[in-house]
Amino acid sequence: MMWKKVQKSDLKLDIGVLVTVILLLTTARILTLNENQAVVLPFRGNYSIPTICHFKNIFGINCPSCGLTRSFILWMHGDFRAAWELHRLSIFIMVLMLIQIPYRLFILICQKRIALFSERRWLLPASTVFIVAFIGNWIYNLFF
């Protein structure tokens, strides 16, 4: 494995990613779902947060990412089966987020990063696979 020295200017991005992931995971752990599968703020008298999916509000059908927030909440509360059933691709995003914590901490502590992850040549193919998987999952959900 090849290591690449981290530039001081790049550390801001690593800190930002680390803080963002920790905030997202903490928020998903704090929020809950009610019996109607609506996202709830438990410390506000079970106040249900309204849906913000403009696609669903305009067209009346779920968008490719509908259910991700609820799925993350279920993952963080340990209800893995329900999380999987709500959005099958959420596990991949959850794993990517969880991997970010030790990886970014390693970068900040050791001032090195894995060179392969710094190369942009794999970014377009990986993004394409991810987008195709999201659209494929969405089409599957629409018909089944």
C-alpha atoms as a PDB file:
ATOM      1  CA  MET A   1       0.000   0.000   0.000  1.00  0.00           C
ATOM      2  CA  MET A   2       1.369   3.369  -0.982  1.00  0.00           C
ATOM      3  CA  TRP A   3       1.104   6.322   1.365  1.00  0.00           C
ATOM      4  CA  LYS A   4       0.756   9.932   0.383  1.00  0.00           C
ATOM      5  CA  LYS A   5       1.808  12.807   2.614  1.00  0.00           C
ATOM      6  CA  VAL A   6      -1.087  15.053   3.545  1.00  0.00           C
ATOM      7  CA  GLN A   7      -0.875  18.735   2.719  1.00  0.00           C
ATOM      8  CA  LYS A   8      -1.920  21.092   5.511  1.00  0.00           C
ATOM      9  CA  SER A   9      -4.531  22.659   3.223  1.00  0.00           C
ATOM     10  CA  ASP A  10      -6.173  19.245   2.734  1.00  0.00           C
ATOM     11  CA  LEU A  11      -6.693  18.724   6.462  1.00  0.00           C
ATOM     12  CA  LYS A  12      -9.641  21.144   6.492  1.00  0.00           C
ATOM     13  CA  LEU A  13     -11.526  18.797   4.170  1.00  0.00           C
ATOM     14  CA  ASP A  14     -10.698  15.794   6.363  1.00  0.00           C
ATOM     15  CA  ILE A  15     -11.871  17.608   9.490  1.00  0.00           C
ATOM     16  CA  GLY A  16     -15.035  18.717   7.687  1.00  0.00           C
ATOM     17  CA  VAL A  17     -15.835  15.179   6.531  1.00  0.00           C
ATOM     18  CA  LEU A  18     -15.186  13.758  10.007  1.00  0.00           C
ATOM     19  CA  VAL A  19     -17.373  16.352  11.764  1.00  0.00           C
ATOM     20  CA  THR A  20     -20.150  15.989   9.162  1.00  0.00           C
ATOM     21  CA  VAL A  21     -20.260  12.195   9.458  1.00  0.00           C
ATOM     22  CA  ILE A  22     -20.287  12.319  13.261  1.00  0.00           C
ATOM     23  CA  LEU A  23     -23.096  14.912  13.219  1.00  0.00           C
ATOM     24  CA  LEU A  24     -25.152  12.879  10.720  1.00  0.00           C
ATOM     25  CA  LEU A  25     -24.784   9.657  12.702  1.00  0.00           C
ATOM     26  CA  THR A  26     -25.549  11.418  16.000  1.00  0.00           C
ATOM     27  CA  THR A  27     -28.627  13.078  14.517  1.00  0.00           C
ATOM     28  CA  ALA A  28     -29.840   9.733  13.147  1.00  0.00           C
ATOM     29  CA  ARG A  29     -29.399   8.234  16.612  1.00  0.00           C
ATOM     30  CA  ILE A  30     -31.370  11.043  18.304  1.00  0.00           C
ATOM     31  CA  LEU A  31     -34.289  11.038  15.864  1.00  0.00           C
ATOM     32  CA  THR A  32     -36.928   8.295  15.955  1.00  0.00           C
ATOM     33  CA  LEU A  33     -39.815   7.113  13.802  1.00  0.00           C
ATOM     34  CA  ASN A  34     -43.461   7.059  14.848  1.00  0.00           C
ATOM     35  CA  GLU A  35     -46.046   4.407  13.960  1.00  0.00           C
ATOM     36  CA  ASN A  36     -46.646   6.135  10.580  1.00  0.00           C
ATOM     37  CA  GLN A  37     -42.914   5.963   9.735  1.00  0.00           C
ATOM     38  CA  ALA A  38     -42.611   9.749  10.059  1.00  0.00           C
ATOM     39  CA  VAL A  39     -39.383  11.211  11.471  1.00  0.00           C
ATOM     40  CA  VAL A  40     -39.921  12.438  15.033  1.00  0.00           C
ATOM     41  CA  LEU A  41     -38.061  14.783  17.353  1.00  0.00           C
ATOM     42  CA  PRO A  42     -38.467  12.891  20.639  1.00  0.00           C
ATOM     43  CA  PHE A  43     -37.600  15.868  22.866  1.00  0.00           C
ATOM     44  CA  ARG A  44     -40.312  18.044  21.276  1.00  0.00           C
ATOM     45  CA  GLY A  45     -43.323  16.026  22.356  1.00  0.00           C
ATOM     46  CA  ASN A  46     -42.998  13.598  19.437  1.00  0.00           C
ATOM     47  CA  TYR A  47     -43.237  16.420  16.888  1.00  0.00           C
ATOM     48  CA  SER A  48     -43.308  14.872  13.419  1.00  0.00           C
ATOM     49  CA  ILE A  49     -40.988  16.517  10.883  1.00  0.00           C
ATOM     50  CA  PRO A  50     -42.801  17.109   7.562  1.00  0.00           C
ATOM     51  CA  THR A  51     -41.401  15.505   4.418  1.00  0.00           C
ATOM     52  CA  ILE A  52     -39.086  17.741   2.413  1.00  0.00           C
ATOM     53  CA  CYS A  53     -38.899  15.608  -0.723  1.00  0.00           C
ATOM     54  CA  HIS A  54     -39.971  18.021  -3.464  1.00  0.00           C
ATOM     55  CA  PHE A  55     -40.064  15.192  -6.000  1.00  0.00           C
ATOM     56  CA  LYS A  56     -42.619  13.306  -3.911  1.00  0.00           C
ATOM     57  CA  ASN A  57     -44.581  16.483  -3.155  1.00  0.00           C
ATOM     58  CA  ILE A  58     -44.810  17.431  -6.852  1.00  0.00           C
ATOM     59  CA  PHE A  59     -45.144  14.052  -8.601  1.00  0.00           C
ATOM     60  CA  GLY A  60     -46.632  11.942  -5.816  1.00  0.00           C
ATOM     61  CA  ILE A  61     -44.065   9.144  -6.119  1.00  0.00           C
ATOM     62  CA  ASN A  62     -40.895   8.432  -4.182  1.00  0.00           C
ATOM     63  CA  CYS A  63     -37.591   9.732  -5.514  1.00  0.00           C
ATOM     64  CA  PRO A  64     -34.506   7.477  -5.723  1.00  0.00           C
ATOM     65  CA  SER A  65     -33.355   8.574  -2.264  1.00  0.00           C
ATOM     66  CA  CYS A  66     -36.732   8.478  -0.494  1.00  0.00           C
ATOM     67  CA  GLY A  67     -36.427   6.485   2.686  1.00  0.00           C
ATOM     68  CA  LEU A  68     -32.710   7.098   3.273  1.00  0.00           C
ATOM     69  CA  THR A  69     -33.216   9.320   6.309  1.00  0.00           C
ATOM     70  CA  ARG A  70     -35.645   6.879   7.889  1.00  0.00           C
ATOM     71  CA  SER A  71     -33.354   3.996   6.997  1.00  0.00           C
ATOM     72  CA  PHE A  72     -30.343   5.711   8.644  1.00  0.00           C
ATOM     73  CA  ILE A  73     -32.439   6.262  11.766  1.00  0.00           C
ATOM     74  CA  LEU A  74     -33.335   2.579  11.823  1.00  0.00           C
ATOM     75  CA  TRP A  75     -29.683   1.558  11.290  1.00  0.00           C
ATOM     76  CA  MET A  76     -28.618   3.750  14.211  1.00  0.00           C
ATOM     77  CA  HIS A  77     -31.320   2.240  16.432  1.00  0.00           C
ATOM     78  CA  GLY A  78     -30.264  -1.311  15.548  1.00  0.00           C
ATOM     79  CA  ASP A  79     -33.318  -2.268  13.473  1.00  0.00           C
ATOM     80  CA  PHE A  80     -31.255  -3.602  10.579  1.00  0.00           C
ATOM     81  CA  ARG A  81     -33.957  -5.611   8.855  1.00  0.00           C
ATOM     82  CA  ALA A  82     -36.403  -2.679   8.719  1.00  0.00           C
ATOM     83  CA  ALA A  83     -33.601  -0.375   7.543  1.00  0.00           C
ATOM     84  CA  TRP A  84     -32.720  -2.789   4.730  1.00  0.00           C
ATOM     85  CA  GLU A  85     -36.360  -3.127   3.666  1.00  0.00           C
ATOM     86  CA  LEU A  86     -36.884   0.640   3.672  1.00  0.00           C
ATOM     87  CA  HIS A  87     -33.924   1.388   1.376  1.00  0.00           C
ATOM     88  CA  ARG A  88     -31.627  -1.418   0.218  1.00  0.00           C
ATOM     89  CA  LEU A  89     -28.748   0.878  -0.724  1.00  0.00           C
ATOM     90  CA  SER A  90     -28.615   2.588   2.662  1.00  0.00           C
ATOM     91  CA  ILE A  91     -26.242  -0.074   3.981  1.00  0.00           C
ATOM     92  CA  PHE A  92     -23.591   0.972   1.456  1.00  0.00           C
ATOM     93  CA  ILE A  93     -23.872   4.625   2.418  1.00  0.00           C
ATOM     94  CA  MET A  94     -23.871   3.727   6.111  1.00  0.00           C
ATOM     95  CA  VAL A  95     -20.718   1.610   5.689  1.00  0.00           C
ATOM     96  CA  LEU A  96     -19.032   4.419   3.734  1.00  0.00           C
ATOM     97  CA  MET A  97     -19.907   6.870   6.499  1.00  0.00           C
ATOM     98  CA  LEU A  98     -18.698   4.557   9.267  1.00  0.00           C
ATOM     99  CA  ILE A  99     -15.408   3.910   7.446  1.00  0.00           C
ATOM    100  CA  GLN A 100     -14.816   7.661   7.260  1.00  0.00           C
ATOM    101  CA  ILE A 101     -14.396   7.959  11.032  1.00  0.00           C
ATOM    102  CA  PRO A 102     -11.292   5.766  11.498  1.00  0.00           C
ATOM    103  CA  TYR A 103      -9.913   6.769   8.092  1.00  0.00           C
ATOM    104  CA  ARG A 104     -10.145  10.518   8.728  1.00  0.00           C
ATOM    105  CA  LEU A 105      -8.815  10.105  12.279  1.00  0.00           C
ATOM    106  CA  PHE A 106      -5.863   8.163  10.851  1.00  0.00           C
ATOM    107  CA  ILE A 107      -5.190  10.970   8.375  1.00  0.00           C
ATOM    108  CA  LEU A 108      -5.368  13.638  11.070  1.00  0.00           C
ATOM    109  CA  ILE A 109      -3.112  11.716  13.470  1.00  0.00           C
ATOM    110  CA  CYS A 110      -0.533  10.253  11.052  1.00  0.00           C
ATOM    111  CA  GLN A 111      -0.613  13.016   8.419  1.00  0.00           C
ATOM    112  CA  LYS A 112      -0.732  10.324   5.704  1.00  0.00           C
ATOM    113  CA  ARG A 113      -3.461   8.992   3.473  1.00  0.00           C
ATOM    114  CA  ILE A 114      -3.777   5.915   1.306  1.00  0.00           C
ATOM    115  CA  ALA A 115      -2.593   7.001  -2.127  1.00  0.00           C
ATOM    116  CA  LEU A 116      -5.262   4.970  -3.950  1.00  0.00           C
ATOM    117  CA  PHE A 117      -8.008   6.989  -2.266  1.00  0.00           C
ATOM    118  CA  SER A 118      -6.329  10.217  -3.341  1.00  0.00           C
ATOM    119  CA  GLU A 119      -6.404   9.279  -7.014  1.00  0.00           C
ATOM    120  CA  ARG A 120      -9.338  10.626  -8.966  1.00  0.00           C
ATOM    121  CA  ARG A 121      -9.252   7.995 -11.709  1.00  0.00           C
ATOM    122  CA  TRP A 122     -11.615   5.684  -9.795  1.00  0.00           C
ATOM    123  CA  LEU A 123     -14.028   8.475  -8.836  1.00  0.00           C
ATOM    124  CA  LEU A 124     -16.004   8.575 -12.106  1.00  0.00           C
ATOM    125  CA  PRO A 125     -16.474   4.779 -12.428  1.00  0.00           C
ATOM    126  CA  ALA A 126     -17.447   4.459  -8.748  1.00  0.00           C
ATOM    127  CA  SER A 127     -19.883   7.379  -9.021  1.00  0.00           C
ATOM    128  CA  THR A 128     -21.399   5.898 -12.163  1.00  0.00           C
ATOM    129  CA  VAL A 129     -21.946   2.513 -10.495  1.00  0.00           C
ATOM    130  CA  PHE A 130     -23.495   4.236  -7.484  1.00  0.00           C
ATOM    131  CA  ILE A 131     -25.882   6.345  -9.595  1.00  0.00           C
ATOM    132  CA  VAL A 132     -26.897   3.363 -11.750  1.00  0.00           C
ATOM    133  CA  ALA A 133     -27.534   1.315  -8.585  1.00  0.00           C
ATOM    134  CA  PHE A 134     -29.688   4.109  -7.129  1.00  0.00           C
ATOM    135  CA  ILE A 135     -31.744   4.458 -10.311  1.00  0.00           C
ATOM    136  CA  GLY A 136     -32.046   0.677 -10.682  1.00  0.00           C
ATOM    137  CA  ASN A 137     -33.219   0.339  -7.081  1.00  0.00           C
ATOM    138  CA  TRP A 138     -35.706   3.175  -7.631  1.00  0.00           C
ATOM    139  CA  ILE A 139     -37.148   1.552 -10.777  1.00  0.00           C
ATOM    140  CA  TYR A 140     -37.405  -1.782  -8.960  1.00  0.00           C
ATOM    141  CA  ASN A 141     -39.268  -0.094  -6.085  1.00  0.00           C
ATOM    142  CA  LEU A 142     -41.655   1.645  -8.479  1.00  0.00           C
ATOM    143  CA  PHE A 143     -42.751  -1.608 -10.076  1.00  0.00           C
ATOM    144  CA  PHE A 144     -42.491  -4.043  -7.155  1.00  0.00           C
END
